[in-house]
Amino acid sequence: MKAIAVHPGVAGSIHLAELPPPSLADVADGHGVLARVVAVGVDATDREINAAEYGAAPPGSDFLVLGHESLGVVEAVGPRVHHVAPGDLVVFSVRRPGTSVYDQIGYQDMTTDAVYFERGISLRHGYLTERVVDHADFAVKVPRSLGLLGVLLEPTSVAEKAIRQAYEIQRRLGVWRPQRAIVLGAGPLGLLATMALRARGLEVVTFARERLPNLNGALAEALGARYVSARDASLKATAAALGNVDLIVEATGYSPLVFEAMERLGNNGVLVLTGIAGGDHQADAVHADHILQGFVLGNKVVVGSVNAARQDFERGVQDLVMAEALWPGWLKRLLTHRVDGLERHAEMIRLLTEEKRAVKVYVQVSDL
C-alpha cells in the first residue's frame, strides 16, 4: 500500500513508501473503523516536517507517513461501532491519548504530557496513504452533502476550538455577548475562523498582510467580513475603527503581532492564539506597562489553543453545512490546488513551498 512519508530529521526526505494494508483487527475490542482515503488536506505543518523542523516516526519505523487532514469513505466497521457504517464519509481527528488525566478523559488536546501523539505529525502515521484504520472514538461522520468539502473539517475544528475556548472562559462573566472580532491572518485557518464567527453573527475584520485585490481578501469579504491589509492600516487604527474588540483570533504564528493584539483587545475581551512561531523574533517597543494595566483593569484574557476535541469536529460539521447554505460555493473556492495521486508528492511540496496563490492544497487519493 502506497503512502507519502518522510524520514523525520532529514530535510527533503519526502518519498513514496510502502505500508502493509490495515485491518479491523488492528483495533482491539471491535471498535475499528476501516476507511478508504479520498483526500487529504496539506499545509505548512507537512512542509515543515519535510524540512526537518519537527516530526517523529512511530516506534519501530524509520519513516513517518504525513497528512493530518483526512477525508475517507468507510469500508468496514467492527461489531461495536454504531455511529458510522460502510459507505459513510468520515474524518478522523489528529491527536491520540497519552498518559495525563486529561488524556484519560478524552481531552488529549489539553494534555500536560511533554510527549504527544498526533497522526501525521508525531509518533503516529498520518493519512496520506490508500487506506487507514482507527478507533471509532476518533471517527467523525460527515454528511454526504458536503462531499469533498469534508476535507476542510480538520482545520475548521481548530478554529472551532479557539472560539469555543473564548466562550467557555467568558462564562465567568455570567453573560458574554461578543459583537466584534478581529481575525489575524487570511490563510485557511484565518478564513475558516472568519466563517465560523460570521455564522455566529459577529462583525468581523480579517487583518492580513497582502493588499487587495487578492483571493484571500475576496473570500473574507464574500462572508460579509471587512478585509484590511497591514500594508494599508495598522492594527491600532483597525481596532479603533471597529470599536470595543470582544474577540481576537490569531492565526498567523507571527509573534510580534501578538503583543500588538494584546494592546488592542477591548474590555472583557479574549485573545486566542493558534499560530506556532517557528523563528526567533524579538518584540521591540512593547508597551508592557500599558498592556498589563489594560489586562487587569479591563478583565482581559489571552489563551493558547492547540488542536481540537471531538466536539469541535462536530461543531465544525454544523458550521460547514451552514456555510454551504449561507454562502453557496464559498467553501469550494478555498480548495484552490489539487494534487492527483500519492505519486505526485514532489508537486505537493512544491505547491506548499512556492505557490503563493494557493489557499488550500489537497491530495486527491481516490474518488468519492
Protein backbone atom coordinates (compact mmCIF):
# COMPACT_ATOMS: atom_id res chain seq x y z
CA MET A 1 0.00 0.00 0.00
CA LYS A 2 1.45 3.36 -1.08
CA ALA A 3 2.00 6.30 1.28
CA ILE A 4 3.70 9.70 1.27
CA ALA A 5 6.33 9.68 4.00
CA VAL A 6 9.44 11.41 5.30
CA HIS A 7 12.42 10.40 7.38
CA PRO A 8 11.99 12.78 10.34
CA GLY A 9 15.08 14.86 10.93
CA VAL A 10 16.24 14.52 7.32
CA ALA A 11 15.41 17.61 5.29
CA GLY A 12 13.82 17.00 1.89
CA SER A 13 13.31 13.28 2.53
CA ILE A 14 9.74 13.08 1.23
CA HIS A 15 9.22 9.86 -0.71
CA LEU A 16 6.71 7.20 -1.68
CA ALA A 17 6.73 4.46 0.97
CA GLU A 18 5.08 1.07 1.24
CA LEU A 19 2.83 0.07 4.13
CA PRO A 20 1.02 -3.19 4.86
CA PRO A 21 -2.75 -2.86 4.33
CA PRO A 22 -4.60 -2.03 7.56
CA SER A 23 -7.13 -4.38 9.12
CA LEU A 24 -10.01 -4.03 11.57
CA ALA A 25 -8.06 -6.47 13.73
CA ASP A 26 -5.52 -3.67 14.29
CA VAL A 27 -8.01 -2.06 16.70
CA ALA A 28 -8.96 -4.03 19.80
CA ASP A 29 -12.40 -4.99 21.08
CA GLY A 30 -14.35 -4.48 17.86
CA HIS A 31 -14.04 -0.68 17.82
CA GLY A 32 -12.23 -0.38 14.48
CA VAL A 33 -13.22 1.77 11.50
CA LEU A 34 -11.55 0.95 8.18
CA ALA A 35 -11.72 3.67 5.55
CA ARG A 36 -10.51 4.25 2.02
CA VAL A 37 -8.77 7.61 1.86
CA VAL A 38 -10.43 10.03 -0.56
CA ALA A 39 -8.50 13.24 0.03
CA VAL A 40 -6.03 14.76 2.45
CA GLY A 41 -5.51 18.47 3.03
CA VAL A 42 -1.89 19.55 3.41
CA ASP A 43 -0.43 22.68 4.91
CA ALA A 44 2.65 24.31 6.42
CA THR A 45 2.90 21.51 9.00
CA ASP A 46 3.65 18.97 6.25
CA ARG A 47 6.11 21.35 4.61
CA GLU A 48 7.92 21.99 7.90
CA ILE A 49 8.14 18.29 8.78
CA ASN A 50 9.72 17.65 5.38
CA ALA A 51 12.14 20.49 6.16
CA ALA A 52 13.14 18.56 9.34
CA GLU A 53 11.88 21.29 11.66
CA TYR A 54 9.97 18.72 13.76
CA GLY A 55 8.11 15.42 13.45
CA ALA A 56 8.73 11.95 14.88
CA ALA A 57 8.29 8.49 13.42
CA PRO A 58 6.22 5.83 15.20
CA PRO A 59 8.17 3.35 17.34
CA GLY A 60 9.75 0.68 15.17
CA SER A 61 9.61 2.76 11.97
CA ASP A 62 12.28 4.92 10.36
CA PHE A 63 9.69 6.97 8.46
CA LEU A 64 6.55 8.96 9.21
CA VAL A 65 3.53 8.96 6.91
CA LEU A 66 2.40 12.57 6.51
CA GLY A 67 -1.10 14.04 6.43
CA HIS A 68 -3.35 15.01 9.32
CA GLU A 69 -6.37 16.46 7.45
CA SER A 70 -8.28 13.37 6.38
CA LEU A 71 -11.41 12.52 4.44
CA GLY A 72 -12.37 8.93 3.75
CA VAL A 73 -15.18 6.53 2.91
CA VAL A 74 -15.89 3.84 5.49
CA GLU A 75 -15.40 0.34 4.07
CA ALA A 76 -15.90 -1.76 7.21
CA VAL A 77 -16.53 -1.35 10.94
CA GLY A 78 -16.09 -3.54 13.98
CA PRO A 79 -19.10 -5.12 15.73
CA ARG A 80 -19.12 -2.48 18.48
CA VAL A 81 -19.24 0.51 16.12
CA HIS A 82 -22.66 2.08 15.63
CA HIS A 83 -22.30 5.77 14.74
CA VAL A 84 -20.70 5.18 11.34
CA ALA A 85 -21.32 2.47 8.75
CA PRO A 86 -19.88 1.32 5.43
CA GLY A 87 -20.43 3.98 2.78
CA ASP A 88 -20.35 6.91 5.20
CA LEU A 89 -17.95 9.79 4.76
CA VAL A 90 -15.68 10.14 7.75
CA VAL A 91 -12.93 12.38 9.09
CA PHE A 92 -10.51 11.14 11.73
CA SER A 93 -9.23 13.50 14.41
CA VAL A 94 -5.50 14.05 14.90
CA ARG A 95 -4.31 13.70 18.49
CA ARG A 96 -4.32 10.41 20.40
CA PRO A 97 -4.34 9.90 24.17
CA GLY A 98 -1.19 9.95 26.25
CA THR A 99 -0.85 9.45 29.99
CA SER A 100 -2.16 12.62 31.67
CA VAL A 101 -5.51 12.81 33.41
CA TYR A 102 -6.78 14.94 30.52
CA ASP A 103 -5.85 12.26 28.03
CA GLN A 104 -7.68 9.65 30.05
CA ILE A 105 -10.97 11.56 29.94
CA GLY A 106 -10.85 12.25 26.20
CA TYR A 107 -9.25 15.72 26.38
CA GLN A 108 -5.94 14.76 24.78
CA ASP A 109 -5.88 18.14 23.06
CA MET A 110 -5.40 19.58 26.56
CA THR A 111 -2.66 17.15 27.59
CA THR A 112 0.04 18.11 30.07
CA ASP A 113 2.37 15.42 28.69
CA ALA A 114 5.64 16.60 27.18
CA VAL A 115 5.34 13.84 24.57
CA TYR A 116 2.19 13.76 22.47
CA PHE A 117 0.83 11.56 19.71
CA GLU A 118 -0.57 13.10 16.54
CA ARG A 119 -1.35 11.28 13.32
CA GLY A 120 0.90 12.51 10.55
CA ILE A 121 2.92 14.70 12.91
CA SER A 122 4.30 12.95 15.98
CA LEU A 123 4.73 9.21 16.67
CA ARG A 124 1.70 8.09 14.65
CA HIS A 125 1.42 7.58 10.89
CA GLY A 126 -0.83 10.02 9.05
CA TYR A 127 -3.47 9.75 6.36
CA LEU A 128 -1.54 10.26 3.10
CA THR A 129 -1.99 6.66 2.14
CA GLU A 130 -4.61 4.48 0.46
CA ARG A 131 -6.46 3.07 3.47
CA VAL A 132 -6.46 3.70 7.20
CA VAL A 133 -7.93 2.08 10.28
CA ASP A 134 -8.61 3.79 13.57
CA HIS A 135 -10.64 3.57 16.74
CA ALA A 136 -14.27 4.64 16.34
CA ASP A 137 -13.84 7.26 19.07
CA PHE A 138 -11.77 9.30 16.61
CA ALA A 139 -14.10 8.94 13.61
CA VAL A 140 -16.47 11.83 12.88
CA LYS A 141 -19.25 11.31 10.36
CA VAL A 142 -19.52 13.88 7.58
CA PRO A 143 -22.79 14.41 5.65
CA ARG A 144 -22.69 13.17 2.08
CA SER A 145 -23.98 16.58 1.05
CA LEU A 146 -20.58 18.10 1.86
CA GLY A 147 -18.71 15.62 -0.31
CA LEU A 148 -15.10 16.67 -0.92
CA LEU A 149 -15.61 19.77 1.23
CA GLY A 150 -15.29 17.46 4.24
CA VAL A 151 -11.52 17.65 3.78
CA LEU A 152 -11.80 21.13 5.35
CA LEU A 153 -13.16 19.76 8.61
CA GLU A 154 -9.86 19.32 10.46
CA PRO A 155 -8.69 22.93 10.01
CA THR A 156 -12.24 24.07 10.74
CA SER A 157 -12.09 22.16 14.02
CA VAL A 158 -9.04 24.19 15.06
CA ALA A 159 -10.97 27.42 14.52
CA GLU A 160 -13.98 25.96 16.33
CA LYS A 161 -11.91 25.08 19.38
CA ALA A 162 -10.39 28.55 19.52
CA ILE A 163 -13.83 30.14 19.51
CA ARG A 164 -15.25 27.63 21.98
CA GLN A 165 -12.40 28.32 24.40
CA ALA A 166 -13.24 32.02 24.34
CA TYR A 167 -16.89 31.37 25.14
CA GLU A 168 -16.00 28.84 27.85
CA ILE A 169 -13.65 31.28 29.57
CA GLN A 170 -16.16 34.11 29.47
CA ARG A 171 -18.77 32.08 31.30
CA ARG A 172 -17.06 33.69 34.31
CA LEU A 173 -18.83 36.92 33.37
CA GLY A 174 -22.31 35.47 33.72
CA VAL A 175 -23.22 36.87 30.33
CA TRP A 176 -20.95 37.49 27.34
CA ARG A 177 -22.37 38.59 24.01
CA PRO A 178 -19.42 39.36 21.73
CA GLN A 179 -20.25 41.60 18.82
CA ARG A 180 -16.92 42.48 17.21
CA ALA A 181 -13.97 40.28 16.33
CA ILE A 182 -10.66 40.54 14.53
CA VAL A 183 -9.07 37.55 12.85
CA LEU A 184 -5.33 37.89 12.35
CA GLY A 185 -4.37 36.08 9.16
CA ALA A 186 -6.20 35.13 5.98
CA GLY A 187 -4.81 31.68 5.35
CA PRO A 188 -7.14 28.66 5.53
CA LEU A 189 -7.38 28.79 9.33
CA GLY A 190 -7.99 32.53 9.38
CA LEU A 191 -10.66 32.29 6.69
CA LEU A 192 -12.38 29.36 8.41
CA ALA A 193 -12.32 31.28 11.71
CA THR A 194 -13.84 34.25 9.89
CA MET A 195 -16.53 31.96 8.52
CA ALA A 196 -17.34 30.47 11.94
CA LEU A 197 -17.56 33.90 13.56
CA ARG A 198 -19.74 35.31 10.79
CA ALA A 199 -22.00 32.26 11.11
CA ARG A 200 -22.44 33.29 14.77
CA GLY A 201 -23.42 36.78 13.69
CA LEU A 202 -20.30 38.72 14.74
CA GLU A 203 -18.95 41.73 12.91
CA VAL A 204 -15.51 40.59 11.74
CA VAL A 205 -12.39 42.25 10.41
CA THR A 206 -9.87 39.92 8.78
CA PHE A 207 -6.46 41.55 9.16
CA ALA A 208 -3.70 40.20 6.92
CA ARG A 209 -0.57 41.27 5.10
CA GLU A 210 -1.42 41.40 1.40
CA ARG A 211 -3.25 44.25 -0.25
CA LEU A 212 -6.45 43.82 -2.19
CA PRO A 213 -7.17 42.60 -4.76
CA ASN A 214 -6.27 39.06 -3.74
CA LEU A 215 -8.27 35.85 -3.47
CA ASN A 216 -7.96 35.51 0.30
CA GLY A 217 -9.27 39.00 0.86
CA ALA A 218 -12.09 38.43 -1.60
CA LEU A 219 -13.03 35.25 0.26
CA ALA A 220 -13.19 37.13 3.56
CA GLU A 221 -15.33 39.86 2.05
CA ALA A 222 -17.66 37.30 0.48
CA LEU A 223 -18.60 36.32 4.04
CA GLY A 224 -19.52 39.89 4.90
CA ALA A 225 -16.29 40.48 6.80
CA ARG A 226 -14.10 43.53 6.22
CA TYR A 227 -10.62 42.79 4.93
CA VAL A 228 -7.79 45.11 6.00
CA SER A 229 -4.21 44.88 4.77
CA ALA A 230 -1.41 45.55 7.23
CA ARG A 231 0.27 47.44 4.38
CA ASP A 232 -2.56 49.97 4.40
CA ALA A 233 -3.56 50.30 8.06
CA SER A 234 -2.15 49.46 11.47
CA LEU A 235 -3.85 47.06 13.84
CA LYS A 236 -4.24 50.02 16.20
CA ALA A 237 -6.21 52.01 13.62
CA THR A 238 -8.20 48.95 12.59
CA ALA A 239 -9.25 48.18 16.17
CA ALA A 240 -10.11 51.83 16.85
CA ALA A 241 -12.36 51.95 13.80
CA LEU A 242 -14.10 48.71 14.80
CA GLY A 243 -14.87 49.71 18.39
CA ASN A 244 -14.50 47.62 21.53
CA VAL A 245 -12.91 44.39 20.24
CA ASP A 246 -14.51 41.47 22.07
CA LEU A 247 -12.51 38.66 20.47
CA ILE A 248 -9.27 38.34 18.53
CA VAL A 249 -8.32 35.02 16.92
CA GLU A 250 -4.65 34.92 16.00
CA ALA A 251 -3.85 32.63 13.05
CA THR A 252 -0.50 33.90 11.80
CA GLY A 253 2.24 32.48 14.01
CA TYR A 254 3.90 35.92 13.82
CA SER A 255 4.75 36.55 17.45
CA PRO A 256 5.38 40.34 17.36
CA LEU A 257 1.78 40.82 16.25
CA VAL A 258 0.57 39.05 19.39
CA PHE A 259 1.77 41.86 21.65
CA GLU A 260 0.10 44.43 19.42
CA ALA A 261 -3.10 42.38 19.62
CA MET A 262 -2.89 42.29 23.41
CA GLU A 263 -2.81 46.06 23.43
CA ARG A 264 -5.77 46.42 21.06
CA LEU A 265 -8.08 43.92 22.78
CA GLY A 266 -11.20 45.51 24.26
CA ASN A 267 -12.51 45.31 27.82
CA ASN A 268 -13.79 41.83 28.75
CA GLY A 269 -12.12 40.62 25.57
CA VAL A 270 -10.36 37.36 24.75
CA LEU A 271 -7.31 36.90 22.55
CA VAL A 272 -6.92 33.28 21.37
CA LEU A 273 -3.55 32.22 19.99
CA THR A 274 -3.45 29.38 17.46
CA GLY A 275 -0.29 30.12 15.47
CA ILE A 276 3.04 28.41 16.11
CA ALA A 277 6.07 30.71 15.88
CA GLY A 278 8.97 28.90 14.25
CA GLY A 279 11.55 31.65 14.27
CA ASP A 280 13.37 33.77 16.85
CA HIS A 281 11.57 37.10 16.59
CA GLN A 282 12.22 39.73 19.23
CA ALA A 283 9.40 42.12 20.08
CA ASP A 284 10.64 45.70 20.17
CA ALA A 285 8.84 48.67 21.71
CA VAL A 286 6.34 46.54 23.61
CA HIS A 287 4.21 48.81 25.80
CA ALA A 288 4.42 46.34 28.67
CA ASP A 289 3.02 48.56 31.42
CA HIS A 290 0.12 49.66 29.25
CA ILE A 291 -0.68 46.05 28.34
CA LEU A 292 -0.52 44.92 31.97
CA GLN A 293 -2.73 47.76 33.13
CA GLY A 294 -5.24 47.10 30.38
CA PHE A 295 -5.49 43.41 31.17
CA VAL A 296 -6.00 43.96 34.87
CA LEU A 297 -8.44 46.86 34.67
CA GLY A 298 -10.22 45.51 31.58
CA ASN A 299 -10.65 41.89 32.73
CA LYS A 300 -8.98 40.67 29.55
CA VAL A 301 -7.76 37.16 28.73
CA VAL A 302 -5.14 35.67 26.45
CA VAL A 303 -5.20 31.90 25.90
CA GLY A 304 -3.41 29.39 23.72
CA SER A 305 -5.42 26.82 21.79
CA VAL A 306 -3.95 23.78 20.03
CA ASN A 307 -5.59 21.02 18.03
CA ALA A 308 -9.23 20.16 18.72
CA ALA A 309 -11.58 17.86 20.63
CA ARG A 310 -14.33 15.73 19.16
CA GLN A 311 -16.95 18.34 19.99
CA ASP A 312 -15.03 20.85 17.86
CA PHE A 313 -15.10 18.49 14.89
CA GLU A 314 -18.83 18.01 15.40
CA ARG A 315 -19.47 21.77 15.61
CA GLY A 316 -17.28 22.12 12.54
CA VAL A 317 -19.59 19.81 10.60
CA GLN A 318 -22.55 22.02 11.57
CA ASP A 319 -20.77 25.21 10.51
CA LEU A 320 -19.58 23.76 7.20
CA VAL A 321 -23.17 22.77 6.41
CA MET A 322 -24.35 26.23 7.48
CA ALA A 323 -21.68 27.89 5.34
CA GLU A 324 -22.90 25.99 2.29
CA ALA A 325 -26.41 27.27 2.98
CA LEU A 326 -25.46 30.88 3.73
CA TRP A 327 -22.68 31.30 1.17
CA PRO A 328 -23.15 28.64 -1.53
CA GLY A 329 -19.91 27.74 -3.27
CA TRP A 330 -17.68 29.62 -0.83
CA LEU A 331 -16.04 26.54 0.68
CA LYS A 332 -15.22 25.14 -2.75
CA ARG A 333 -13.31 28.33 -3.54
CA LEU A 334 -10.91 27.52 -0.70
CA LEU A 335 -9.79 24.32 -2.45
CA THR A 336 -7.52 26.04 -4.92
CA HIS A 337 -4.87 23.43 -5.74
CA ARG A 338 -5.41 19.69 -6.20
CA VAL A 339 -2.61 17.13 -6.41
CA ASP A 340 -3.75 13.99 -8.23
CA GLY A 341 -2.39 10.89 -6.55
CA LEU A 342 0.18 9.95 -3.94
CA GLU A 343 2.89 9.61 -6.58
CA ARG A 344 2.94 13.40 -7.06
CA HIS A 345 4.40 14.14 -3.64
CA ALA A 346 7.08 16.39 -5.15
CA GLU A 347 4.34 18.55 -6.67
CA MET A 348 2.61 18.68 -3.30
CA ILE A 349 5.73 20.07 -1.61
CA ARG A 350 6.36 22.47 -4.50
CA LEU A 351 2.88 23.94 -4.13
CA LEU A 352 3.27 24.28 -0.36
CA THR A 353 6.65 25.95 -0.80
CA GLU A 354 6.36 28.09 -3.92
CA GLU A 355 2.72 28.69 -4.86
CA LYS A 356 1.81 31.99 -3.22
CA ARG A 357 -1.70 31.98 -4.72
CA ALA A 358 -2.67 28.72 -3.04
CA VAL A 359 -5.32 28.91 -0.34
CA LYS A 360 -5.78 25.19 0.28
CA VAL A 361 -3.70 22.42 -1.27
CA TYR A 362 -5.06 18.90 -1.09
CA VAL A 363 -4.11 15.47 -2.40
CA GLN A 364 -6.86 13.52 -4.17
CA VAL A 365 -6.11 9.90 -3.32
CA SER A 366 -9.27 8.24 -4.70
CA ASP A 367 -12.73 9.10 -6.00
CA LEU A 368 -15.69 9.70 -3.72
